[in-house]
N, C-alpha and C. Protein backbone atom coordinates (compact mmCIF):
# COMPACT_ATOMS: atom_id res chain seq x y z
N MET A 1 0.89 -1.17 0.02
CA MET A 1 -0.08 -0.31 0.12
C MET A 1 0.88 1.21 -0.07
N ALA A 2 0.51 2.11 -0.98
CA ALA A 2 1.40 3.30 -0.97
C ALA A 2 0.45 4.81 0.18
N TRP A 3 1.14 5.32 0.22
CA TRP A 3 0.35 6.55 0.66
C TRP A 3 1.35 7.77 0.22
N VAL A 4 0.62 8.78 0.83
CA VAL A 4 1.76 9.87 0.35
C VAL A 4 1.57 11.37 1.98
N GLU A 5 2.54 11.66 1.71
CA GLU A 5 2.95 12.93 3.43
C GLU A 5 2.77 14.08 2.46
N GLN A 6 2.52 15.45 3.36
CA GLN A 6 3.71 16.67 2.89
C GLN A 6 5.02 17.02 3.04
N HIS A 7 5.77 17.26 2.89
CA HIS A 7 7.12 16.60 3.39
C HIS A 7 7.92 18.23 2.45
N GLY A 8 7.71 19.60 3.48
CA GLY A 8 7.89 20.89 3.61
C GLY A 8 6.82 21.49 2.57
N CYS A 9 7.31 21.87 1.03
CA CYS A 9 6.85 22.62 0.79
C CYS A 9 6.00 21.33 -0.60
N ASP A 10 6.43 20.51 -0.92
CA ASP A 10 5.81 19.50 -1.56
C ASP A 10 5.81 18.20 -0.69
N TRP A 11 5.75 17.15 -1.36
CA TRP A 11 4.40 16.19 -1.14
C TRP A 11 5.56 14.56 -1.68
N ARG A 12 5.29 13.67 -0.74
CA ARG A 12 6.43 12.46 -0.96
C ARG A 12 5.63 11.33 -0.91
N VAL A 13 5.71 10.48 -1.73
CA VAL A 13 4.99 9.36 -2.03
C VAL A 13 5.74 8.19 -1.45
N ARG A 14 5.11 7.54 -0.27
CA ARG A 14 6.13 6.23 0.36
C ARG A 14 5.06 4.60 0.43
N TYR A 15 6.17 3.72 0.11
CA TYR A 15 5.62 2.67 0.21
C TYR A 15 6.48 2.08 0.65
N ARG A 16 5.83 -0.05 0.24
CA ARG A 16 7.26 -0.72 1.30
C ARG A 16 7.28 -1.60 0.14
N LEU A 17 8.34 -1.96 -0.11
CA LEU A 17 9.13 -2.95 -0.65
C LEU A 17 8.89 -3.80 -0.30
N ASP A 18 9.50 -4.69 -1.36
CA ASP A 18 8.97 -6.72 -0.78
C ASP A 18 10.20 -7.18 0.44
N ASP A 19 10.95 -6.31 0.58
CA ASP A 19 11.76 -6.79 1.52
C ASP A 19 11.50 -6.18 2.67
N GLY A 20 10.32 -5.07 2.76
CA GLY A 20 9.72 -4.57 3.70
C GLY A 20 10.07 -3.52 3.84
N THR A 21 11.10 -2.69 3.46
CA THR A 21 11.70 -1.21 3.69
C THR A 21 10.58 -0.46 3.23
N VAL A 22 11.20 0.70 3.92
CA VAL A 22 9.75 2.00 3.51
C VAL A 22 10.79 2.78 2.42
N TYR A 23 10.12 3.22 1.49
CA TYR A 23 10.91 4.06 0.15
C TYR A 23 10.27 5.29 0.38
N SER A 24 10.48 6.11 0.23
CA SER A 24 10.08 7.83 -0.63
C SER A 24 10.69 8.02 -1.70
N GLU A 25 9.78 8.69 -2.54
CA GLU A 25 9.73 9.35 -3.68
C GLU A 25 9.16 10.92 -3.25
N ASN A 26 10.14 11.71 -3.67
CA ASN A 26 10.37 13.30 -3.10
C ASN A 26 9.66 14.00 -4.01
N GLY A 27 9.09 15.49 -3.78
CA GLY A 27 9.34 15.95 -5.09
C GLY A 27 8.36 16.15 -5.74
N TYR A 28 6.67 15.76 -5.24
CA TYR A 28 5.46 15.44 -6.00
C TYR A 28 5.10 17.71 -5.60
N PRO A 29 5.11 18.20 -6.44
CA PRO A 29 4.57 19.59 -6.30
C PRO A 29 3.27 19.61 -5.47
N THR A 30 2.01 19.01 -5.92
CA THR A 30 0.82 18.80 -5.52
C THR A 30 0.40 17.85 -4.61
N GLU A 31 -0.51 17.57 -4.20
CA GLU A 31 -1.09 16.29 -3.29
C GLU A 31 -1.92 15.38 -4.66
N ALA A 32 -2.01 15.72 -5.20
CA ALA A 32 -3.19 14.99 -6.82
C ALA A 32 -1.73 14.90 -7.41
N ALA A 33 -0.91 15.15 -7.80
CA ALA A 33 0.80 14.01 -8.30
C ALA A 33 1.02 13.31 -7.51
N ALA A 34 1.14 13.20 -6.45
CA ALA A 34 1.72 11.99 -5.65
C ALA A 34 0.77 11.26 -5.14
N GLU A 35 -0.57 11.90 -5.34
CA GLU A 35 -1.73 10.73 -5.19
C GLU A 35 -1.81 9.55 -6.31
N GLU A 36 -2.10 10.36 -7.36
CA GLU A 36 -1.64 9.41 -9.14
C GLU A 36 -0.33 9.06 -8.52
N ARG A 37 0.63 9.01 -8.78
CA ARG A 37 1.82 8.28 -8.78
C ARG A 37 1.97 7.17 -7.45
N ALA A 38 1.58 7.31 -6.21
CA ALA A 38 0.81 6.78 -5.09
C ALA A 38 -0.23 5.51 -5.81
N LEU A 39 -1.24 5.81 -6.58
CA LEU A 39 -2.14 4.60 -7.89
C LEU A 39 -1.33 3.33 -8.58
N ASP A 40 0.17 4.14 -9.64
CA ASP A 40 0.58 3.73 -9.89
C ASP A 40 1.47 2.69 -9.16
N VAL A 41 2.17 3.09 -8.02
CA VAL A 41 3.13 2.07 -7.21
C VAL A 41 2.35 1.14 -6.95
N GLU A 42 0.72 1.25 -6.61
CA GLU A 42 -0.04 0.07 -6.44
C GLU A 42 -0.27 -0.45 -7.32
N SER A 43 -1.06 -0.40 -8.11
CA SER A 43 -1.18 -0.92 -9.88
C SER A 43 0.06 -2.14 -10.02
N ASP A 44 1.07 -1.18 -10.14
CA ASP A 44 2.32 -2.69 -10.62
C ASP A 44 2.49 -3.49 -9.65
N GLN A 45 2.31 -2.99 -8.21
CA GLN A 45 2.53 -3.73 -7.45
C GLN A 45 1.51 -5.28 -7.70
N ARG A 46 0.42 -5.03 -7.51
CA ARG A 46 -0.47 -6.18 -8.02
C ARG A 46 -0.73 -6.69 -8.65
N ARG A 47 0.21 -5.73 -10.66
CA ARG A 47 0.28 -6.73 -11.09
C ARG A 47 1.63 -7.56 -11.15
N LYS A 48 2.37 -7.39 -10.18
CA LYS A 48 3.67 -7.76 -10.38
C LYS A 48 4.87 -7.05 -11.50
N ARG A 49 4.62 -5.87 -12.16
CA ARG A 49 5.54 -5.25 -12.82
C ARG A 49 6.14 -3.64 -12.12
N PHE A 50 6.01 -3.99 -10.95
CA PHE A 50 6.67 -3.40 -10.49
C PHE A 50 8.38 -3.22 -9.79
N ALA A 51 8.90 -2.29 -9.90
CA ALA A 51 10.31 -2.38 -10.29
C ALA A 51 11.48 -1.59 -9.02
N ASP A 52 12.02 -1.74 -8.48
CA ASP A 52 12.61 -1.42 -6.82
C ASP A 52 13.55 -0.18 -7.63
N PRO A 53 12.66 0.77 -6.95
CA PRO A 53 14.12 1.89 -7.38
C PRO A 53 15.13 1.79 -7.19
N ARG A 54 15.89 0.87 -6.54
CA ARG A 54 16.73 1.42 -5.80
C ARG A 54 17.89 0.19 -7.14
N LEU A 55 17.33 -0.71 -8.06
CA LEU A 55 18.14 -1.27 -8.44
C LEU A 55 17.92 0.08 -10.17
N ALA A 56 16.86 0.77 -10.35
CA ALA A 56 16.54 1.78 -10.89
C ALA A 56 18.09 2.87 -11.24
N LYS A 57 18.72 2.29 -9.87
CA LYS A 57 19.71 3.86 -9.83
C LYS A 57 21.40 2.69 -10.59
N THR A 58 21.47 1.64 -11.09
CA THR A 58 22.31 1.02 -11.57
C THR A 58 22.40 1.87 -12.77
N THR A 59 24.00 2.33 -13.05
CA THR A 59 24.33 2.94 -13.57
C THR A 59 24.52 2.37 -15.27
N ILE A 60 24.22 2.74 -16.29
CA ILE A 60 24.37 2.22 -17.86
C ILE A 60 25.46 1.27 -17.96
N ASP A 61 26.82 2.57 -17.30
CA ASP A 61 28.08 1.26 -17.29
C ASP A 61 28.48 0.02 -16.56
N GLU A 62 27.59 0.24 -15.19
CA GLU A 62 27.33 -1.31 -14.68
C GLU A 62 26.71 -2.23 -15.17
N TRP A 63 25.58 -1.74 -15.72
CA TRP A 63 24.39 -2.93 -16.59
C TRP A 63 25.26 -3.34 -17.47
N ILE A 64 25.71 -2.81 -18.70
CA ILE A 64 26.43 -3.18 -19.86
C ILE A 64 27.91 -4.29 -19.63
N ARG A 65 28.32 -3.75 -18.13
CA ARG A 65 29.71 -5.08 -17.47
C ARG A 65 28.60 -6.28 -17.56
N LYS A 66 27.54 -6.62 -17.09
CA LYS A 66 26.73 -7.22 -16.67
C LYS A 66 26.28 -8.04 -18.00
N TRP A 67 25.52 -6.90 -18.48
CA TRP A 67 24.64 -7.40 -20.05
C TRP A 67 26.40 -8.45 -20.82
N ALA A 68 27.16 -7.38 -20.95
CA ALA A 68 28.39 -8.22 -21.66
C ALA A 68 28.79 -9.69 -21.33
N ASP A 69 28.65 -9.95 -19.39
CA ASP A 69 29.70 -11.32 -19.39
C ASP A 69 28.70 -12.32 -19.83
N ALA A 70 26.95 -11.67 -19.52
CA ALA A 70 26.15 -12.52 -20.33
C ALA A 70 25.40 -12.88 -21.73
N HIS A 71 26.01 -11.88 -21.95
CA HIS A 71 25.59 -12.21 -23.50
C HIS A 71 26.65 -13.26 -24.57
N GLY A 72 25.82 -13.94 -25.53
CA GLY A 72 26.88 -14.50 -26.31
C GLY A 72 26.88 -14.50 -27.84
N VAL A 73 27.64 -13.81 -27.41
CA VAL A 73 27.46 -13.38 -29.65
C VAL A 73 28.63 -13.48 -30.39
N THR A 74 29.03 -13.88 -31.83
CA THR A 74 30.19 -14.27 -32.35
C THR A 74 31.37 -13.01 -32.14
N ALA A 75 32.09 -13.60 -32.44
CA ALA A 75 33.24 -12.12 -32.24
C ALA A 75 33.33 -11.22 -33.15
N MET A 76 32.59 -11.44 -34.91
CA MET A 76 32.72 -10.35 -35.53
C MET A 76 31.58 -9.44 -35.39
N THR A 77 29.88 -10.57 -34.18
CA THR A 77 29.49 -8.99 -33.81
C THR A 77 29.70 -8.38 -32.80
N TRP A 78 30.35 -8.97 -31.76
CA TRP A 78 30.63 -8.23 -30.55
C TRP A 78 31.40 -7.27 -30.64
N SER A 79 32.68 -7.57 -31.99
CA SER A 79 33.88 -6.28 -32.48
C SER A 79 32.37 -4.89 -33.02
N THR A 80 31.32 -5.26 -33.38
CA THR A 80 30.28 -4.38 -33.79
C THR A 80 29.52 -3.59 -32.58
N TYR A 81 29.18 -5.00 -31.49
CA TYR A 81 28.50 -4.11 -30.71
C TYR A 81 29.55 -2.86 -29.75
N ASP A 82 31.08 -3.64 -29.45
CA ASP A 82 31.93 -2.67 -29.25
C ASP A 82 31.71 -1.56 -29.74
N SER A 83 31.90 -1.21 -30.63
CA SER A 83 32.18 -0.13 -31.76
C SER A 83 31.54 0.81 -30.94
N HIS A 84 30.17 0.00 -31.10
CA HIS A 84 29.12 0.64 -30.67
C HIS A 84 28.89 1.34 -29.51
N LEU A 85 29.07 0.49 -28.76
CA LEU A 85 29.17 1.11 -27.13
C LEU A 85 29.95 1.85 -26.60
N CYS A 86 32.00 1.69 -27.31
CA CYS A 86 32.28 2.36 -27.73
C CYS A 86 32.63 3.89 -28.13
N ASP A 87 32.57 4.24 -29.14
CA ASP A 87 32.15 5.47 -29.34
C ASP A 87 30.89 6.24 -29.80
N HIS A 88 29.31 5.20 -29.51
CA HIS A 88 28.27 6.11 -28.93
C HIS A 88 27.19 6.32 -28.05
N ILE A 89 27.38 4.83 -27.49
CA ILE A 89 26.22 4.72 -26.28
C ILE A 89 27.29 5.23 -25.36
N LEU A 90 28.45 4.66 -24.61
CA LEU A 90 28.44 5.00 -23.44
C LEU A 90 29.50 6.81 -23.52
N PRO A 91 29.62 6.70 -24.58
CA PRO A 91 30.15 8.64 -24.50
C PRO A 91 28.59 9.60 -24.07
N PHE A 92 27.78 9.25 -24.72
CA PHE A 92 26.28 9.85 -24.17
C PHE A 92 25.65 9.80 -22.97
N TRP A 93 25.78 8.26 -22.34
CA TRP A 93 24.83 7.97 -21.28
C TRP A 93 26.09 7.73 -20.26
N SER A 94 27.62 7.42 -20.14
CA SER A 94 28.13 6.74 -18.68
C SER A 94 27.71 7.83 -17.92
N GLY A 95 27.42 6.72 -16.69
CA GLY A 95 27.07 7.32 -15.51
C GLY A 95 25.91 8.01 -15.01
N THR A 96 24.60 7.64 -16.36
CA THR A 96 23.79 7.79 -15.93
C THR A 96 22.55 6.68 -15.08
N GLY A 97 21.66 6.91 -14.39
CA GLY A 97 21.33 5.65 -14.37
C GLY A 97 20.10 5.20 -14.58
N LEU A 98 19.72 3.78 -14.98
CA LEU A 98 18.69 2.81 -15.64
C LEU A 98 17.34 3.98 -15.49
N GLY A 99 17.23 4.39 -14.76
CA GLY A 99 16.42 4.57 -13.89
C GLY A 99 15.48 6.02 -15.20
N ASP A 100 17.05 6.88 -15.31
CA ASP A 100 17.38 8.37 -15.51
C ASP A 100 17.06 8.26 -17.06
N ILE A 101 16.98 6.81 -17.51
CA ILE A 101 17.18 7.49 -19.14
C ILE A 101 15.92 7.22 -19.38
N GLU A 102 15.06 8.53 -20.31
CA GLU A 102 13.95 9.02 -20.50
C GLU A 102 13.99 8.65 -21.89
N ARG A 103 12.50 8.52 -22.59
CA ARG A 103 11.96 8.43 -23.62
C ARG A 103 12.78 9.76 -24.59
N ILE A 104 12.00 11.43 -24.13
CA ILE A 104 12.83 12.49 -24.92
C ILE A 104 14.15 12.50 -25.12
N LYS A 105 15.27 12.15 -23.66
CA LYS A 105 16.38 12.10 -23.62
C LYS A 105 17.10 11.05 -25.36
N VAL A 106 16.44 10.01 -24.96
CA VAL A 106 16.74 9.44 -26.76
C VAL A 106 16.70 9.55 -27.35
N LYS A 107 15.76 9.99 -27.84
CA LYS A 107 14.89 10.82 -28.70
C LYS A 107 16.24 11.39 -29.55
N GLY A 108 16.13 12.13 -28.03
CA GLY A 108 17.01 13.76 -29.03
C GLY A 108 18.62 13.06 -29.01
N TRP A 109 19.02 11.98 -28.05
CA TRP A 109 20.08 11.49 -28.84
C TRP A 109 20.09 11.65 -30.31
N VAL A 110 19.18 10.48 -30.83
CA VAL A 110 19.65 9.76 -31.61
C VAL A 110 19.32 10.75 -33.02
N ASN A 111 18.21 11.96 -32.63
CA ASN A 111 17.98 12.92 -33.70
C ASN A 111 19.18 14.37 -33.52
N LYS A 112 19.85 14.43 -32.52
CA LYS A 112 20.85 15.35 -32.40
C LYS A 112 22.25 15.33 -32.22
N THR A 113 22.28 13.66 -31.94
CA THR A 113 23.99 13.34 -31.96
C THR A 113 24.45 12.62 -32.64
N LEU A 114 23.08 11.17 -33.02
CA LEU A 114 23.58 10.41 -33.33
C LEU A 114 23.63 10.24 -35.20
N ARG A 115 22.80 11.17 -35.18
CA ARG A 115 22.58 11.59 -37.47
C ARG A 115 23.23 12.58 -37.66
N SER A 116 23.76 13.33 -37.04
CA SER A 116 24.90 14.32 -36.52
C SER A 116 26.10 13.83 -37.61
N LYS A 117 26.14 12.58 -36.57
CA LYS A 117 27.54 11.60 -36.73
C LYS A 117 27.32 10.54 -37.94
N LEU A 118 26.88 9.92 -38.20
CA LEU A 118 26.44 8.84 -38.95
C LEU A 118 25.43 8.98 -39.71
N ALA A 119 24.98 7.86 -41.11
CA ALA A 119 24.04 7.64 -41.53
C ALA A 119 23.03 6.86 -40.66
N ASP A 120 22.01 6.98 -41.40
CA ASP A 120 20.48 6.66 -41.09
C ASP A 120 20.70 4.88 -40.29
N LYS A 121 21.06 4.32 -41.23
CA LYS A 121 21.00 2.88 -40.74
C LYS A 121 22.19 2.94 -40.05
N SER A 122 23.80 2.95 -39.66
CA SER A 122 24.19 2.92 -38.67
C SER A 122 23.54 3.82 -37.52
N ALA A 123 22.87 4.65 -37.20
CA ALA A 123 22.27 5.16 -35.98
C ALA A 123 21.23 4.38 -35.39
N LYS A 124 19.96 3.97 -36.81
CA LYS A 124 19.80 2.49 -36.22
C LYS A 124 19.73 1.33 -35.78
N ASP A 125 20.72 1.06 -36.22
CA ASP A 125 21.90 -0.29 -35.60
C ASP A 125 21.99 0.28 -34.04
N VAL A 126 22.60 1.43 -33.75
CA VAL A 126 22.94 1.74 -32.67
C VAL A 126 21.67 1.45 -31.76
N LEU A 127 21.07 2.20 -31.92
CA LEU A 127 19.51 2.90 -31.73
C LEU A 127 18.95 1.16 -30.84
N VAL A 128 18.80 0.46 -31.93
CA VAL A 128 18.59 -1.28 -31.77
C VAL A 128 19.55 -1.30 -30.55
N LEU A 129 20.71 -1.50 -30.46
CA LEU A 129 21.39 -2.24 -29.56
C LEU A 129 21.44 -1.57 -28.38
N PHE A 130 21.63 -0.69 -28.42
CA PHE A 130 20.72 0.54 -27.11
C PHE A 130 19.50 0.03 -26.60
N SER A 131 18.61 -0.55 -27.13
CA SER A 131 17.01 -0.73 -26.89
C SER A 131 17.29 -1.97 -26.32
N GLN A 132 17.86 -2.83 -27.20
CA GLN A 132 18.40 -4.28 -26.72
C GLN A 132 19.08 -4.95 -25.26
N ILE A 133 19.81 -3.60 -24.60
CA ILE A 133 20.35 -3.87 -23.53
C ILE A 133 19.57 -3.19 -22.56
N ILE A 134 19.22 -2.62 -22.82
CA ILE A 134 17.76 -1.09 -21.99
C ILE A 134 16.88 -2.80 -21.80
N GLY A 135 16.23 -3.30 -22.62
CA GLY A 135 15.14 -4.24 -22.75
C GLY A 135 15.93 -5.16 -21.63
N GLU A 136 17.10 -5.79 -22.00
CA GLU A 136 16.96 -6.54 -20.91
C GLU A 136 17.06 -6.40 -19.54
N ALA A 137 17.57 -4.92 -19.00
CA ALA A 137 17.68 -4.95 -17.99
C ALA A 137 15.58 -4.35 -17.05
N VAL A 138 14.95 -4.26 -18.25
CA VAL A 138 13.38 -4.61 -17.75
C VAL A 138 13.05 -5.68 -17.51
N ASP A 139 13.83 -6.93 -18.35
CA ASP A 139 13.28 -8.44 -17.98
C ASP A 139 14.16 -8.76 -16.81
N GLU A 140 15.21 -8.38 -16.36
CA GLU A 140 16.17 -8.67 -14.74
C GLU A 140 15.13 -7.79 -13.93
N GLY A 141 14.11 -7.03 -13.71
CA GLY A 141 13.24 -6.01 -13.31
C GLY A 141 14.03 -4.84 -12.40
N LEU A 142 15.07 -4.64 -13.14
CA LEU A 142 15.96 -3.22 -12.93
C LEU A 142 14.96 -1.34 -13.24
N ILE A 143 14.34 -1.58 -14.24
CA ILE A 143 14.00 -0.85 -14.85
C ILE A 143 11.86 -1.56 -15.01
N GLY A 144 11.13 -0.45 -15.05
CA GLY A 144 10.05 -0.50 -15.35
C GLY A 144 9.78 -0.55 -16.68
N SER A 145 10.44 0.29 -17.53
CA SER A 145 10.25 -0.10 -19.20
C SER A 145 11.08 0.49 -20.02
N ASN A 146 10.73 0.22 -21.20
CA ASN A 146 11.94 0.24 -21.93
C ASN A 146 11.45 2.12 -22.62
N PRO A 147 12.68 2.74 -22.15
CA PRO A 147 12.09 3.99 -23.00
C PRO A 147 12.27 3.89 -24.16
N CYS A 148 13.27 2.75 -24.83
CA CYS A 148 13.37 3.15 -26.52
C CYS A 148 12.16 2.75 -27.22
N ARG A 149 11.37 2.00 -26.77
CA ARG A 149 10.11 0.68 -27.20
C ARG A 149 9.08 1.65 -28.13
N LYS A 150 8.31 1.29 -28.91
CA LYS A 150 8.14 2.45 -29.93
C LYS A 150 8.51 3.52 -30.10
N LEU A 151 9.84 3.43 -30.31
CA LEU A 151 9.92 5.25 -29.97
C LEU A 151 10.08 5.34 -31.45
N ARG A 152 9.84 6.54 -31.74
CA ARG A 152 9.12 6.50 -33.02
C ARG A 152 10.21 7.97 -33.95
N ILE A 153 11.27 6.87 -34.63
CA ILE A 153 12.05 7.83 -35.15
C ILE A 153 12.19 7.55 -37.24
N THR A 154 11.56 8.36 -37.58
CA THR A 154 12.24 8.17 -39.28
C THR A 154 13.51 8.45 -39.42
N PHE A 155 13.58 7.06 -40.19
CA PHE A 155 15.10 6.74 -40.75
C PHE A 155 14.66 6.49 -42.05
N ALA A 156 15.43 7.29 -42.96
CA ALA A 156 15.78 7.12 -44.55
C ALA A 156 15.55 5.42 -44.76
N ALA A 157 14.48 5.54 -45.79
CA ALA A 157 14.60 4.33 -45.97
C ALA A 157 15.90 3.46 -46.89
N SER A 158 16.01 2.04 -47.42
CA SER A 158 17.06 1.99 -48.29
C SER A 158 16.72 1.41 -49.37
N PRO A 159 17.28 1.82 -50.46
CA PRO A 159 16.56 1.80 -51.76
C PRO A 159 16.78 0.51 -52.01
N SER A 160 15.70 0.12 -52.61
CA SER A 160 14.90 -0.99 -52.67
C SER A 160 15.09 -0.89 -54.36
N GLY A 161 15.59 -2.47 -54.73
CA GLY A 161 15.24 -2.73 -56.62
C GLY A 161 16.48 -2.27 -56.79
N LEU A 162 17.55 -1.41 -56.15
CA LEU A 162 18.67 -1.63 -56.84
C LEU A 162 19.45 -2.31 -56.99
N THR A 163 20.45 -2.18 -57.71
CA THR A 163 21.89 -2.81 -57.71
C THR A 163 22.65 -2.37 -57.90
N PRO A 164 23.69 -2.77 -56.82
CA PRO A 164 25.11 -1.85 -56.19
C PRO A 164 26.13 -1.90 -57.84
N ALA A 165 26.52 -0.91 -58.42
CA ALA A 165 28.02 -1.26 -59.34
C ALA A 165 29.05 -1.82 -58.81
N PRO A 166 28.90 -2.55 -59.32
CA PRO A 166 29.90 -4.05 -58.87
C PRO A 166 32.07 -3.31 -58.49
N THR A 167 31.88 -3.78 -57.84
CA THR A 167 33.54 -2.80 -57.27
C THR A 167 34.11 -3.98 -57.60
N ARG A 168 35.90 -3.36 -58.00
CA ARG A 168 36.63 -4.49 -58.20
C ARG A 168 37.05 -5.49 -57.50
N TRP A 169 36.60 -5.44 -56.01
CA TRP A 169 36.23 -6.78 -55.53
C TRP A 169 35.19 -7.96 -55.24
N THR A 170 33.65 -7.63 -56.30
CA THR A 170 33.53 -8.42 -56.41
C THR A 170 33.46 -8.84 -58.46
N ARG A 171 34.40 -8.39 -58.90
CA ARG A 171 34.53 -8.58 -60.53
C ARG A 171 35.83 -9.60 -60.74
N TRP A 172 37.26 -9.30 -59.40
CA TRP A 172 38.05 -10.20 -59.06
C TRP A 172 37.63 -11.59 -58.76
N ARG A 173 36.48 -11.30 -57.80
CA ARG A 173 36.06 -12.77 -56.95
C ARG A 173 34.70 -13.81 -58.44
N ALA A 174 34.57 -12.60 -59.29
CA ALA A 174 33.62 -13.35 -60.43
C ALA A 174 34.77 -13.73 -61.50
N GLY A 175 35.99 -13.53 -61.26
CA GLY A 175 37.28 -14.17 -61.98
C GLY A 175 37.73 -12.97 -62.87
N CYS A 176 36.65 -12.08 -62.95
CA CYS A 176 37.51 -10.62 -64.39
C CYS A 176 39.29 -10.48 -63.82
N ILE A 177 39.72 -9.94 -64.89
CA ILE A 177 41.14 -9.66 -65.05
C ILE A 177 40.60 -8.50 -64.91
N PRO A 178 41.28 -7.61 -63.90
CA PRO A 178 40.59 -5.63 -64.31
C PRO A 178 41.74 -5.41 -65.82
N THR A 179 42.89 -5.92 -65.31
CA THR A 179 42.83 -5.25 -67.25
C THR A 179 42.74 -5.49 -68.82
N THR A 180 41.80 -6.63 -68.31
CA THR A 180 40.52 -6.84 -69.48
C THR A 180 39.71 -6.01 -69.78
N GLY A 181 39.38 -5.41 -68.78
CA GLY A 181 38.06 -4.18 -69.08
C GLY A 181 36.68 -5.38 -68.07
N CYS A 182 36.75 -6.53 -67.96
CA CYS A 182 35.55 -6.68 -67.20
C CYS A 182 34.72 -5.76 -66.30
């Protein structure tokens, strides 16, 4: 059961966690806002969808280490993941608690940061990896929902029906000798 209390000029929501600890969420400007949050907490607890807010303080860095240790992929895939993590995800999100990653921040990161440096396909690949990592944090009960889920970002469509011009490599593989003009 959750309840609200006035705390200074603001309101706070208090509730018991599974281990019996009383937890407080401070900073609600009105009693109505605190009551709404209290109802959400009770609903989530009843539906077994409640995430312990202490776990949401886990930083993305800590979670990625755990995720990487448990994640089994080929060396080639890991090389791609490593590049996305080191070049794009961690430089922006390092030190951020999982519970502090908001949908609007993710959208801004993709549109302002990733798309200014990367082609749309690459930006989408980085977002997909980030969403996968955050999705597994949801599955582990660290946070209640994935802020990347159903994120509506329009990426340029890949050209369909076009056959790329053969490169020297593809011509060489087909047996053409460059000096013959194949």
